[in-house]
Amino acid sequence: QVQLVESGGGLVQPGGSLRLSCTSSGFALDYYAIGWFRQAPGKEREGVSCIGASDGSTYIADSVKGRFTISRDNAKNTVYLQMNSLIPEDTAVYYCRRSTYWGQGTQVTVSS
C-alpha cells in the first residue's frame, strides 16, 4: 500500500526555519519524482517544489526560490523540504505527492 507521511510542520516566527519530511512506504522512492505542494486558507493548492527520480533534478517555485531547498535520501525513503527565511505568506498546509498519491499534510504557521 502506497503511503506518504509528512512531518516537521509547526509554528515558527518570521525569519525562522523548518525542515519538512515526506516519508514513503509501499514503494521504492528512488523510482519516482516527488513534489511538495501547499494550500493556504481560502486559496488553491499550489506547487512549491519537486525533485526528479533518476537525475535528482529539482524545481523551485519563484515564490520560494532562494529560501526553500528540496532534497531526497532514498535510503531513508524520505524527501525533505528545507524552508529558511520564512514569511507569514508561507503559512499553509504542506503536502507531498507522488503521481496520484497524496500525504495527509502538515501545518506550517509563520507568525510572531
PDB file of N, CA and C in Angstrom:
ATOM      1  N   GLN A   1       0.851  -1.187   0.000  1.00  0.00           N
ATOM      2  CA  GLN A   1       0.000   0.000   0.000  1.00  0.00           C
ATOM      3  C   GLN A   1       0.893   1.244   0.000  1.00  0.00           C
ATOM      4  N   VAL A   2       0.641   2.124  -0.960  1.00  0.00           N
ATOM      5  CA  VAL A   2       1.432   3.341  -1.063  1.00  0.00           C
ATOM      6  C   VAL A   2       0.992   4.323   0.019  1.00  0.00           C
ATOM      7  N   GLN A   3       1.968   4.828   0.764  1.00  0.00           N
ATOM      8  CA  GLN A   3       1.684   5.836   1.781  1.00  0.00           C
ATOM      9  C   GLN A   3       2.752   6.907   1.757  1.00  0.00           C
ATOM     10  N   LEU A   4       2.316   8.135   1.975  1.00  0.00           N
ATOM     11  CA  LEU A   4       3.203   9.273   2.133  1.00  0.00           C
ATOM     12  C   LEU A   4       2.819   9.969   3.432  1.00  0.00           C
ATOM     13  N   VAL A   5       3.800  10.222   4.272  1.00  0.00           N
ATOM     14  CA  VAL A   5       3.533  10.852   5.563  1.00  0.00           C
ATOM     15  C   VAL A   5       4.435  12.062   5.722  1.00  0.00           C
ATOM     16  N   GLU A   6       3.815  13.237   5.865  1.00  0.00           N
ATOM     17  CA  GLU A   6       4.565  14.461   6.079  1.00  0.00           C
ATOM     18  C   GLU A   6       4.755  14.709   7.573  1.00  0.00           C
ATOM     19  N   SER A   7       5.851  15.341   7.905  1.00  0.00           N
ATOM     20  CA  SER A   7       6.106  15.736   9.289  1.00  0.00           C
ATOM     21  C   SER A   7       7.031  16.939   9.291  1.00  0.00           C
ATOM     22  N   GLY A   8       7.158  17.566  10.464  1.00  0.00           N
ATOM     23  CA  GLY A   8       8.088  18.670  10.604  1.00  0.00           C
ATOM     24  C   GLY A   8       7.456  20.047  10.631  1.00  0.00           C
ATOM     25  N   GLY A   9       6.153  20.116  10.430  1.00  0.00           N
ATOM     26  CA  GLY A   9       5.492  21.408  10.470  1.00  0.00           C
ATOM     27  C   GLY A   9       5.416  21.952  11.884  1.00  0.00           C
ATOM     28  N   GLY A  10       4.942  23.190  11.994  1.00  0.00           N
ATOM     29  CA  GLY A  10       4.794  23.794  13.306  1.00  0.00           C
ATOM     30  C   GLY A  10       4.648  25.285  13.208  1.00  0.00           C
ATOM     31  N   LEU A  11       4.769  25.918  14.360  1.00  0.00           N
ATOM     32  CA  LEU A  11       4.690  27.374  14.461  1.00  0.00           C
ATOM     33  C   LEU A  11       6.107  27.938  14.530  1.00  0.00           C
ATOM     34  N   VAL A  12       6.385  28.909  13.691  1.00  0.00           N
ATOM     35  CA  VAL A  12       7.717  29.498  13.661  1.00  0.00           C
ATOM     36  C   VAL A  12       7.583  31.002  13.447  1.00  0.00           C
ATOM     37  N   GLN A  13       8.513  31.755  13.988  1.00  0.00           N
ATOM     38  CA  GLN A  13       8.498  33.203  13.812  1.00  0.00           C
ATOM     39  C   GLN A  13       9.017  33.581  12.435  1.00  0.00           C
ATOM     40  N   PRO A  14       8.600  34.731  11.923  1.00  0.00           N
ATOM     41  CA  PRO A  14       9.155  35.193  10.645  1.00  0.00           C
ATOM     42  C   PRO A  14      10.678  35.217  10.691  1.00  0.00           C
ATOM     43  N   GLY A  15      11.273  34.749   9.614  1.00  0.00           N
ATOM     44  CA  GLY A  15      12.722  34.639   9.539  1.00  0.00           C
ATOM     45  C   GLY A  15      13.260  33.306  10.002  1.00  0.00           C
ATOM     46  N   GLY A  16      12.412  32.502  10.581  1.00  0.00           N
ATOM     47  CA  GLY A  16      12.831  31.204  11.079  1.00  0.00           C
ATOM     48  C   GLY A  16      12.896  30.139  10.008  1.00  0.00           C
ATOM     49  N   SER A  17      13.213  28.915  10.437  1.00  0.00           N
ATOM     50  CA  SER A  17      13.385  27.798   9.521  1.00  0.00           C
ATOM     51  C   SER A  17      12.632  26.571  10.014  1.00  0.00           C
ATOM     52  N   LEU A  18      12.257  25.762   9.078  1.00  0.00           N
ATOM     53  CA  LEU A  18      11.679  24.447   9.358  1.00  0.00           C
ATOM     54  C   LEU A  18      12.168  23.486   8.287  1.00  0.00           C
ATOM     55  N   ARG A  19      12.246  22.218   8.635  1.00  0.00           N
ATOM     56  CA  ARG A  19      12.522  21.188   7.638  1.00  0.00           C
ATOM     57  C   ARG A  19      11.381  20.187   7.657  1.00  0.00           C
ATOM     58  N   LEU A  20      10.703  20.111   6.540  1.00  0.00           N
ATOM     59  CA  LEU A  20       9.629  19.146   6.393  1.00  0.00           C
ATOM     60  C   LEU A  20      10.182  17.841   5.825  1.00  0.00           C
ATOM     61  N   SER A  21       9.580  16.749   6.260  1.00  0.00           N
ATOM     62  CA  SER A  21       9.942  15.430   5.752  1.00  0.00           C
ATOM     63  C   SER A  21       8.718  14.776   5.131  1.00  0.00           C
ATOM     64  N   CYS A  22       8.954  14.064   4.059  1.00  0.00           N
ATOM     65  CA  CYS A  22       7.920  13.257   3.417  1.00  0.00           C
ATOM     66  C   CYS A  22       8.477  11.836   3.358  1.00  0.00           C
ATOM     67  N   THR A  23       7.955  10.974   4.205  1.00  0.00           N
ATOM     68  CA  THR A  23       8.448   9.607   4.285  1.00  0.00           C
ATOM     69  C   THR A  23       7.463   8.679   3.593  1.00  0.00           C
ATOM     70  N   SER A  24       8.002   7.844   2.739  1.00  0.00           N
ATOM     71  CA  SER A  24       7.148   6.980   1.932  1.00  0.00           C
ATOM     72  C   SER A  24       7.241   5.524   2.375  1.00  0.00           C
ATOM     73  N   SER A  25       6.219   4.777   2.058  1.00  0.00           N
ATOM     74  CA  SER A  25       6.225   3.341   2.266  1.00  0.00           C
ATOM     75  C   SER A  25       5.373   2.702   1.176  1.00  0.00           C
ATOM     76  N   GLY A  26       5.646   1.428   0.913  1.00  0.00           N
ATOM     77  CA  GLY A  26       4.867   0.709  -0.084  1.00  0.00           C
ATOM     78  C   GLY A  26       5.419   0.806  -1.490  1.00  0.00           C
ATOM     79  N   PHE A  27       6.500   1.575  -1.669  1.00  0.00           N
ATOM     80  CA  PHE A  27       7.120   1.639  -2.985  1.00  0.00           C
ATOM     81  C   PHE A  27       8.564   2.116  -2.812  1.00  0.00           C
ATOM     82  N   ALA A  28       9.351   1.897  -3.846  1.00  0.00           N
ATOM     83  CA  ALA A  28      10.748   2.326  -3.814  1.00  0.00           C
ATOM     84  C   ALA A  28      10.825   3.782  -4.233  1.00  0.00           C
ATOM     85  N   LEU A  29      11.183   4.627  -3.309  1.00  0.00           N
ATOM     86  CA  LEU A  29      11.155   6.072  -3.536  1.00  0.00           C
ATOM     87  C   LEU A  29      12.029   6.482  -4.709  1.00  0.00           C
ATOM     88  N   ASP A  30      13.151   5.788  -4.909  1.00  0.00           N
ATOM     89  CA  ASP A  30      14.122   6.267  -5.884  1.00  0.00           C
ATOM     90  C   ASP A  30      13.633   6.157  -7.325  1.00  0.00           C
ATOM     91  N   TYR A  31      12.503   5.499  -7.557  1.00  0.00           N
ATOM     92  CA  TYR A  31      11.988   5.394  -8.912  1.00  0.00           C
ATOM     93  C   TYR A  31      11.008   6.506  -9.277  1.00  0.00           C
ATOM     94  N   TYR A  32      10.714   7.387  -8.337  1.00  0.00           N
ATOM     95  CA  TYR A  32       9.638   8.346  -8.554  1.00  0.00           C
ATOM     96  C   TYR A  32      10.042   9.774  -8.248  1.00  0.00           C
ATOM     97  N   ALA A  33       9.489  10.699  -9.029  1.00  0.00           N
ATOM     98  CA  ALA A  33       9.591  12.107  -8.692  1.00  0.00           C
ATOM     99  C   ALA A  33       8.593  12.400  -7.566  1.00  0.00           C
ATOM    100  N   ILE A  34       8.994  13.295  -6.681  1.00  0.00           N
ATOM    101  CA  ILE A  34       8.155  13.674  -5.548  1.00  0.00           C
ATOM    102  C   ILE A  34       7.995  15.187  -5.546  1.00  0.00           C
ATOM    103  N   GLY A  35       6.779  15.632  -5.304  1.00  0.00           N
ATOM    104  CA  GLY A  35       6.517  17.061  -5.266  1.00  0.00           C
ATOM    105  C   GLY A  35       5.994  17.518  -3.917  1.00  0.00           C
ATOM    106  N   TRP A  36       6.303  18.772  -3.601  1.00  0.00           N
ATOM    107  CA  TRP A  36       5.736  19.433  -2.424  1.00  0.00           C
ATOM    108  C   TRP A  36       4.735  20.497  -2.914  1.00  0.00           C
ATOM    109  N   PHE A  37       3.596  20.532  -2.255  1.00  0.00           N
ATOM    110  CA  PHE A  37       2.552  21.490  -2.560  1.00  0.00           C
ATOM    111  C   PHE A  37       2.113  22.143  -1.256  1.00  0.00           C
ATOM    112  N   ARG A  38       1.416  23.273  -1.385  1.00  0.00           N
ATOM    113  CA  ARG A  38       0.883  23.890  -0.180  1.00  0.00           C
ATOM    114  C   ARG A  38      -0.468  24.518  -0.495  1.00  0.00           C
ATOM    115  N   GLN A  39      -1.269  24.612   0.551  1.00  0.00           N
ATOM    116  CA  GLN A  39      -2.580  25.238   0.405  1.00  0.00           C
ATOM    117  C   GLN A  39      -2.845  26.123   1.610  1.00  0.00           C
ATOM    118  N   ALA A  40      -2.953  27.405   1.328  1.00  0.00           N
ATOM    119  CA  ALA A  40      -3.269  28.377   2.373  1.00  0.00           C
ATOM    120  C   ALA A  40      -4.784  28.517   2.477  1.00  0.00           C
ATOM    121  N   PRO A  41      -5.276  28.980   3.617  1.00  0.00           N
ATOM    122  CA  PRO A  41      -6.733  29.139   3.785  1.00  0.00           C
ATOM    123  C   PRO A  41      -7.320  30.028   2.696  1.00  0.00           C
ATOM    124  N   GLY A  42      -8.365  29.525   2.062  1.00  0.00           N
ATOM    125  CA  GLY A  42      -9.053  30.300   1.045  1.00  0.00           C
ATOM    126  C   GLY A  42      -8.359  30.374  -0.287  1.00  0.00           C
ATOM    127  N   LYS A  43      -7.261  29.631  -0.438  1.00  0.00           N
ATOM    128  CA  LYS A  43      -6.504  29.669  -1.693  1.00  0.00           C
ATOM    129  C   LYS A  43      -6.407  28.275  -2.296  1.00  0.00           C
ATOM    130  N   GLU A  44      -6.099  28.248  -3.587  1.00  0.00           N
ATOM    131  CA  GLU A  44      -5.919  26.963  -4.255  1.00  0.00           C
ATOM    132  C   GLU A  44      -4.572  26.351  -3.882  1.00  0.00           C
ATOM    133  N   ARG A  45      -4.520  25.045  -4.000  1.00  0.00           N
ATOM    134  CA  ARG A  45      -3.263  24.342  -3.745  1.00  0.00           C
ATOM    135  C   ARG A  45      -2.259  24.721  -4.839  1.00  0.00           C
ATOM    136  N   GLU A  46      -1.038  24.981  -4.440  1.00  0.00           N
ATOM    137  CA  GLU A  46      -0.011  25.377  -5.404  1.00  0.00           C
ATOM    138  C   GLU A  46       1.247  24.526  -5.247  1.00  0.00           C
ATOM    139  N   GLY A  47       1.933  24.342  -6.346  1.00  0.00           N
ATOM    140  CA  GLY A  47       3.177  23.610  -6.315  1.00  0.00           C
ATOM    141  C   GLY A  47       4.299  24.458  -5.753  1.00  0.00           C
ATOM    142  N   VAL A  48       5.100  23.869  -4.910  1.00  0.00           N
ATOM    143  CA  VAL A  48       6.212  24.563  -4.274  1.00  0.00           C
ATOM    144  C   VAL A  48       7.549  24.089  -4.834  1.00  0.00           C
ATOM    145  N   SER A  49       7.694  22.777  -4.921  1.00  0.00           N
ATOM    146  CA  SER A  49       8.980  22.231  -5.338  1.00  0.00           C
ATOM    147  C   SER A  49       8.794  20.782  -5.719  1.00  0.00           C
ATOM    148  N   CYS A  50       9.695  20.280  -6.559  1.00  0.00           N
ATOM    149  CA  CYS A  50       9.692  18.853  -6.839  1.00  0.00           C
ATOM    150  C   CYS A  50      11.111  18.407  -7.148  1.00  0.00           C
ATOM    151  N   ILE A  51      11.322  17.120  -7.024  1.00  0.00           N
ATOM    152  CA  ILE A  51      12.640  16.543  -7.273  1.00  0.00           C
ATOM    153  C   ILE A  51      12.469  15.313  -8.126  1.00  0.00           C
ATOM    154  N   GLY A  52      13.299  15.205  -9.154  1.00  0.00           N
ATOM    155  CA  GLY A  52      13.196  14.103 -10.082  1.00  0.00           C
ATOM    156  C   GLY A  52      13.696  12.802  -9.493  1.00  0.00           C
ATOM    157  N   ALA A  53      13.401  11.721 -10.211  1.00  0.00           N
ATOM    158  CA  ALA A  53      13.763  10.396  -9.723  1.00  0.00           C
ATOM    159  C   ALA A  53      15.191  10.026 -10.096  1.00  0.00           C
ATOM    160  N   SER A  54      15.447   9.967 -11.377  1.00  0.00           N
ATOM    161  CA  SER A  54      16.727   9.409 -11.819  1.00  0.00           C
ATOM    162  C   SER A  54      17.875  10.388 -11.697  1.00  0.00           C
ATOM    163  N   ASP A  55      17.663  11.631 -12.115  1.00  0.00           N
ATOM    164  CA  ASP A  55      18.776  12.577 -12.133  1.00  0.00           C
ATOM    165  C   ASP A  55      18.758  13.556 -10.969  1.00  0.00           C
ATOM    166  N   GLY A  56      17.716  13.470 -10.140  1.00  0.00           N
ATOM    167  CA  GLY A  56      17.644  14.360  -8.990  1.00  0.00           C
ATOM    168  C   GLY A  56      17.453  15.808  -9.340  1.00  0.00           C
ATOM    169  N   SER A  57      16.999  16.069 -10.561  1.00  0.00           N
ATOM    170  CA  SER A  57      16.755  17.459 -10.947  1.00  0.00           C
ATOM    171  C   SER A  57      15.672  18.048 -10.065  1.00  0.00           C
ATOM    172  N   THR A  58      15.743  19.348  -9.852  1.00  0.00           N
ATOM    173  CA  THR A  58      14.810  19.991  -8.945  1.00  0.00           C
ATOM    174  C   THR A  58      14.119  21.183  -9.590  1.00  0.00           C
ATOM    175  N   TYR A  59      12.961  21.480  -9.053  1.00  0.00           N
ATOM    176  CA  TYR A  59      12.200  22.664  -9.445  1.00  0.00           C
ATOM    177  C   TYR A  59      11.799  23.384  -8.162  1.00  0.00           C
ATOM    178  N   ILE A  60      11.963  24.688  -8.175  1.00  0.00           N
ATOM    179  CA  ILE A  60      11.558  25.511  -7.038  1.00  0.00           C
ATOM    180  C   ILE A  60      10.690  26.645  -7.575  1.00  0.00           C
ATOM    181  N   ALA A  61       9.533  26.834  -6.977  1.00  0.00           N
ATOM    182  CA  ALA A  61       8.651  27.911  -7.411  1.00  0.00           C
ATOM    183  C   ALA A  61       9.301  29.267  -7.145  1.00  0.00           C
ATOM    184  N   ASP A  62       8.989  30.229  -7.990  1.00  0.00           N
ATOM    185  CA  ASP A  62       9.577  31.558  -7.845  1.00  0.00           C
ATOM    186  C   ASP A  62       9.293  32.165  -6.476  1.00  0.00           C
ATOM    187  N   SER A  63       8.132  31.861  -5.929  1.00  0.00           N
ATOM    188  CA  SER A  63       7.734  32.468  -4.655  1.00  0.00           C
ATOM    189  C   SER A  63       8.618  32.029  -3.484  1.00  0.00           C
ATOM    190  N   VAL A  64       9.321  30.923  -3.645  1.00  0.00           N
ATOM    191  CA  VAL A  64      10.156  30.419  -2.544  1.00  0.00           C
ATOM    192  C   VAL A  64      11.609  30.238  -2.958  1.00  0.00           C
ATOM    193  N   LYS A  65      11.935  30.616  -4.179  1.00  0.00           N
ATOM    194  CA  LYS A  65      13.293  30.425  -4.682  1.00  0.00           C
ATOM    195  C   LYS A  65      14.277  31.222  -3.837  1.00  0.00           C
ATOM    196  N   GLY A  66      15.387  30.568  -3.512  1.00  0.00           N
ATOM    197  CA  GLY A  66      16.390  31.211  -2.661  1.00  0.00           C
ATOM    198  C   GLY A  66      16.149  31.006  -1.184  1.00  0.00           C
ATOM    199  N   ARG A  67      14.969  30.498  -0.838  1.00  0.00           N
ATOM    200  CA  ARG A  67      14.652  30.274   0.578  1.00  0.00           C
ATOM    201  C   ARG A  67      14.385  28.800   0.874  1.00  0.00           C
ATOM    202  N   PHE A  68      13.829  28.081  -0.076  1.00  0.00           N
ATOM    203  CA  PHE A  68      13.489  26.665   0.112  1.00  0.00           C
ATOM    204  C   PHE A  68      14.428  25.793  -0.718  1.00  0.00           C
ATOM    205  N   THR A  69      14.736  24.626  -0.188  1.00  0.00           N
ATOM    206  CA  THR A  69      15.565  23.647  -0.884  1.00  0.00           C
ATOM    207  C   THR A  69      14.944  22.271  -0.729  1.00  0.00           C
ATOM    208  N   ILE A  70      14.905  21.529  -1.819  1.00  0.00           N
ATOM    209  CA  ILE A  70      14.384  20.165  -1.768  1.00  0.00           C
ATOM    210  C   ILE A  70      15.535  19.185  -1.928  1.00  0.00           C
ATOM    211  N   SER A  71      15.431  18.073  -1.221  1.00  0.00           N
ATOM    212  CA  SER A  71      16.451  17.041  -1.331  1.00  0.00           C
ATOM    213  C   SER A  71      15.798  15.691  -1.031  1.00  0.00           C
ATOM    214  N   ARG A  72      16.537  14.625  -1.320  1.00  0.00           N
ATOM    215  CA  ARG A  72      15.989  13.298  -1.050  1.00  0.00           C
ATOM    216  C   ARG A  72      17.062  12.395  -0.494  1.00  0.00           C
ATOM    217  N   ASP A  73      16.642  11.449   0.339  1.00  0.00           N
ATOM    218  CA  ASP A  73      17.501  10.401   0.865  1.00  0.00           C
ATOM    219  C   ASP A  73      16.783   9.097   0.569  1.00  0.00           C
ATOM    220  N   ASN A  74      17.145   8.477  -0.538  1.00  0.00           N
ATOM    221  CA  ASN A  74      16.443   7.261  -0.952  1.00  0.00           C
ATOM    222  C   ASN A  74      16.607   6.130   0.046  1.00  0.00           C
ATOM    223  N   ALA A  75      17.739   6.075   0.720  1.00  0.00           N
ATOM    224  CA  ALA A  75      17.962   5.024   1.713  1.00  0.00           C
ATOM    225  C   ALA A  75      16.968   5.121   2.865  1.00  0.00           C
ATOM    226  N   LYS A  76      16.507   6.340   3.125  1.00  0.00           N
ATOM    227  CA  LYS A  76      15.530   6.560   4.204  1.00  0.00           C
ATOM    228  C   LYS A  76      14.119   6.719   3.666  1.00  0.00           C
ATOM    229  N   ASN A  77      13.960   6.564   2.346  1.00  0.00           N
ATOM    230  CA  ASN A  77      12.641   6.745   1.718  1.00  0.00           C
ATOM    231  C   ASN A  77      12.015   8.077   2.082  1.00  0.00           C
ATOM    232  N   THR A  78      12.833   9.100   2.068  1.00  0.00           N
ATOM    233  CA  THR A  78      12.372  10.403   2.542  1.00  0.00           C
ATOM    234  C   THR A  78      12.810  11.521   1.602  1.00  0.00           C
ATOM    235  N   VAL A  79      11.897  12.444   1.384  1.00  0.00           N
ATOM    236  CA  VAL A  79      12.196  13.682   0.674  1.00  0.00           C
ATOM    237  C   VAL A  79      12.021  14.830   1.666  1.00  0.00           C
ATOM    238  N   TYR A  80      12.957  15.768   1.623  1.00  0.00           N
ATOM    239  CA  TYR A  80      12.953  16.879   2.570  1.00  0.00           C
ATOM    240  C   TYR A  80      12.649  18.194   1.855  1.00  0.00           C
ATOM    241  N   LEU A  81      12.046  19.095   2.601  1.00  0.00           N
ATOM    242  CA  LEU A  81      11.884  20.466   2.135  1.00  0.00           C
ATOM    243  C   LEU A  81      12.435  21.366   3.234  1.00  0.00           C
ATOM    244  N   GLN A  82      13.611  21.919   2.984  1.00  0.00           N
ATOM    245  CA  GLN A  82      14.224  22.839   3.928  1.00  0.00           C
ATOM    246  C   GLN A  82      13.696  24.231   3.634  1.00  0.00           C
ATOM    247  N   MET A  83      13.105  24.840   4.630  1.00  0.00           N
ATOM    248  CA  MET A  83      12.489  26.149   4.457  1.00  0.00           C
ATOM    249  C   MET A  83      13.174  27.156   5.370  1.00  0.00           C
ATOM    250  N   ASN A  84      13.816  28.132   4.766  1.00  0.00           N
ATOM    251  CA  ASN A  84      14.512  29.177   5.513  1.00  0.00           C
ATOM    252  C   ASN A  84      13.872  30.529   5.254  1.00  0.00           C
ATOM    253  N   SER A  85      14.204  31.484   6.089  1.00  0.00           N
ATOM    254  CA  SER A  85      13.705  32.850   5.933  1.00  0.00           C
ATOM    255  C   SER A  85      12.194  32.866   5.728  1.00  0.00           C
ATOM    256  N   LEU A  86      11.510  32.151   6.569  1.00  0.00           N
ATOM    257  CA  LEU A  86      10.057  32.012   6.411  1.00  0.00           C
ATOM    258  C   LEU A  86       9.355  33.346   6.637  1.00  0.00           C
ATOM    259  N   ILE A  87       8.302  33.538   5.885  1.00  0.00           N
ATOM    260  CA  ILE A  87       7.476  34.737   5.969  1.00  0.00           C
ATOM    261  C   ILE A  87       6.027  34.332   6.218  1.00  0.00           C
ATOM    262  N   PRO A  88       5.196  35.246   6.726  1.00  0.00           N
ATOM    263  CA  PRO A  88       3.802  34.868   7.011  1.00  0.00           C
ATOM    264  C   PRO A  88       3.062  34.288   5.804  1.00  0.00           C
ATOM    265  N   GLU A  89       3.443  34.724   4.605  1.00  0.00           N
ATOM    266  CA  GLU A  89       2.782  34.210   3.393  1.00  0.00           C
ATOM    267  C   GLU A  89       3.085  32.734   3.133  1.00  0.00           C
ATOM    268  N   ASP A  90       4.041  32.186   3.849  1.00  0.00           N
ATOM    269  CA  ASP A  90       4.330  30.750   3.716  1.00  0.00           C
ATOM    270  C   ASP A  90       3.391  29.898   4.561  1.00  0.00           C
ATOM    271  N   THR A  91       2.561  30.521   5.363  1.00  0.00           N
ATOM    272  CA  THR A  91       1.621  29.777   6.189  1.00  0.00           C
ATOM    273  C   THR A  91       0.653  28.994   5.315  1.00  0.00           C
ATOM    274  N   ALA A  92       0.608  27.684   5.547  1.00  0.00           N
ATOM    275  CA  ALA A  92      -0.225  26.808   4.732  1.00  0.00           C
ATOM    276  C   ALA A  92      -0.111  25.385   5.269  1.00  0.00           C
ATOM    277  N   VAL A  93      -0.955  24.519   4.744  1.00  0.00           N
ATOM    278  CA  VAL A  93      -0.768  23.091   4.936  1.00  0.00           C
ATOM    279  C   VAL A  93       0.098  22.609   3.775  1.00  0.00           C
ATOM    280  N   TYR A  94       1.159  21.905   4.101  1.00  0.00           N
ATOM    281  CA  TYR A  94       2.104  21.432   3.102  1.00  0.00           C
ATOM    282  C   TYR A  94       1.888  19.938   2.878  1.00  0.00           C
ATOM    283  N   TYR A  95       1.828  19.576   1.609  1.00  0.00           N
ATOM    284  CA  TYR A  95       1.583  18.193   1.216  1.00  0.00           C
ATOM    285  C   TYR A  95       2.701  17.702   0.306  1.00  0.00           C
ATOM    286  N   CYS A  96       2.988  16.419   0.379  1.00  0.00           N
ATOM    287  CA  CYS A  96       3.838  15.830  -0.641  1.00  0.00           C
ATOM    288  C   CYS A  96       2.992  14.891  -1.499  1.00  0.00           C
ATOM    289  N   ARG A  97       3.487  14.676  -2.700  1.00  0.00           N
ATOM    290  CA  ARG A  97       2.715  13.911  -3.674  1.00  0.00           C
ATOM    291  C   ARG A  97       3.617  13.073  -4.545  1.00  0.00           C
ATOM    292  N   ARG A  98       3.158  11.860  -4.837  1.00  0.00           N
ATOM    293  CA  ARG A  98       3.768  11.016  -5.857  1.00  0.00           C
ATOM    294  C   ARG A  98       2.654  10.613  -6.794  1.00  0.00           C
ATOM    295  N   SER A  99       2.703  11.125  -7.968  1.00  0.00           N
ATOM    296  CA  SER A  99       1.671  10.914  -9.002  1.00  0.00           C
ATOM    297  C   SER A  99       0.301  11.195  -8.386  1.00  0.00           C
ATOM    298  N   THR A 100      -0.546  10.197  -8.222  1.00  0.00           N
ATOM    299  CA  THR A 100      -1.900  10.440  -7.710  1.00  0.00           C
ATOM    300  C   THR A 100      -2.014  10.254  -6.195  1.00  0.00           C
ATOM    301  N   TYR A 101      -0.902   9.960  -5.554  1.00  0.00           N
ATOM    302  CA  TYR A 101      -0.916   9.724  -4.107  1.00  0.00           C
ATOM    303  C   TYR A 101      -0.481  10.985  -3.359  1.00  0.00           C
ATOM    304  N   TRP A 102      -1.286  11.318  -2.339  1.00  0.00           N
ATOM    305  CA  TRP A 102      -1.007  12.483  -1.506  1.00  0.00           C
ATOM    306  C   TRP A 102      -0.847  12.069  -0.050  1.00  0.00           C
ATOM    307  N   GLY A 103      -0.009  12.805   0.656  1.00  0.00           N
ATOM    308  CA  GLY A 103       0.038  12.640   2.094  1.00  0.00           C
ATOM    309  C   GLY A 103      -1.100  13.409   2.747  1.00  0.00           C
ATOM    310  N   GLN A 104      -1.150  13.348   4.079  1.00  0.00           N
ATOM    311  CA  GLN A 104      -2.238  13.982   4.816  1.00  0.00           C
ATOM    312  C   GLN A 104      -1.963  15.458   5.086  1.00  0.00           C
ATOM    313  N   GLY A 105      -0.734  15.878   4.904  1.00  0.00           N
ATOM    314  CA  GLY A 105      -0.380  17.275   5.091  1.00  0.00           C
ATOM    315  C   GLY A 105       0.169  17.581   6.471  1.00  0.00           C
ATOM    316  N   THR A 106       0.961  18.640   6.542  1.00  0.00           N
ATOM    317  CA  THR A 106       1.483  19.122   7.811  1.00  0.00           C
ATOM    318  C   THR A 106       1.346  20.642   7.831  1.00  0.00           C
ATOM    319  N   GLN A 107       0.873  21.175   8.946  1.00  0.00           N
ATOM    320  CA  GLN A 107       0.596  22.597   9.047  1.00  0.00           C
ATOM    321  C   GLN A 107       1.866  23.378   9.340  1.00  0.00           C
ATOM    322  N   VAL A 108       2.076  24.429   8.579  1.00  0.00           N
ATOM    323  CA  VAL A 108       3.159  25.377   8.829  1.00  0.00           C
ATOM    324  C   VAL A 108       2.520  26.744   9.080  1.00  0.00           C
ATOM    325  N   THR A 109       2.836  27.317  10.220  1.00  0.00           N
ATOM    326  CA  THR A 109       2.319  28.638  10.567  1.00  0.00           C
ATOM    327  C   THR A 109       3.489  29.558  10.882  1.00  0.00           C
ATOM    328  N   VAL A 110       3.549  30.656  10.158  1.00  0.00           N
ATOM    329  CA  VAL A 110       4.615  31.635  10.359  1.00  0.00           C
ATOM    330  C   VAL A 110       3.978  32.886  10.950  1.00  0.00           C
ATOM    331  N   SER A 111       4.300  33.132  12.195  1.00  0.00           N
ATOM    332  CA  SER A 111       3.661  34.244  12.896  1.00  0.00           C
ATOM    333  C   SER A 111       4.495  34.661  14.085  1.00  0.00           C
ATOM    334  N   SER A 112       4.461  35.945  14.387  1.00  0.00           N
ATOM    335  CA  SER A 112       5.142  36.438  15.580  1.00  0.00           C
ATOM    336  C   SER A 112       4.186  36.459  16.764  1.00  0.00           C
TER     337      SER A 112
END
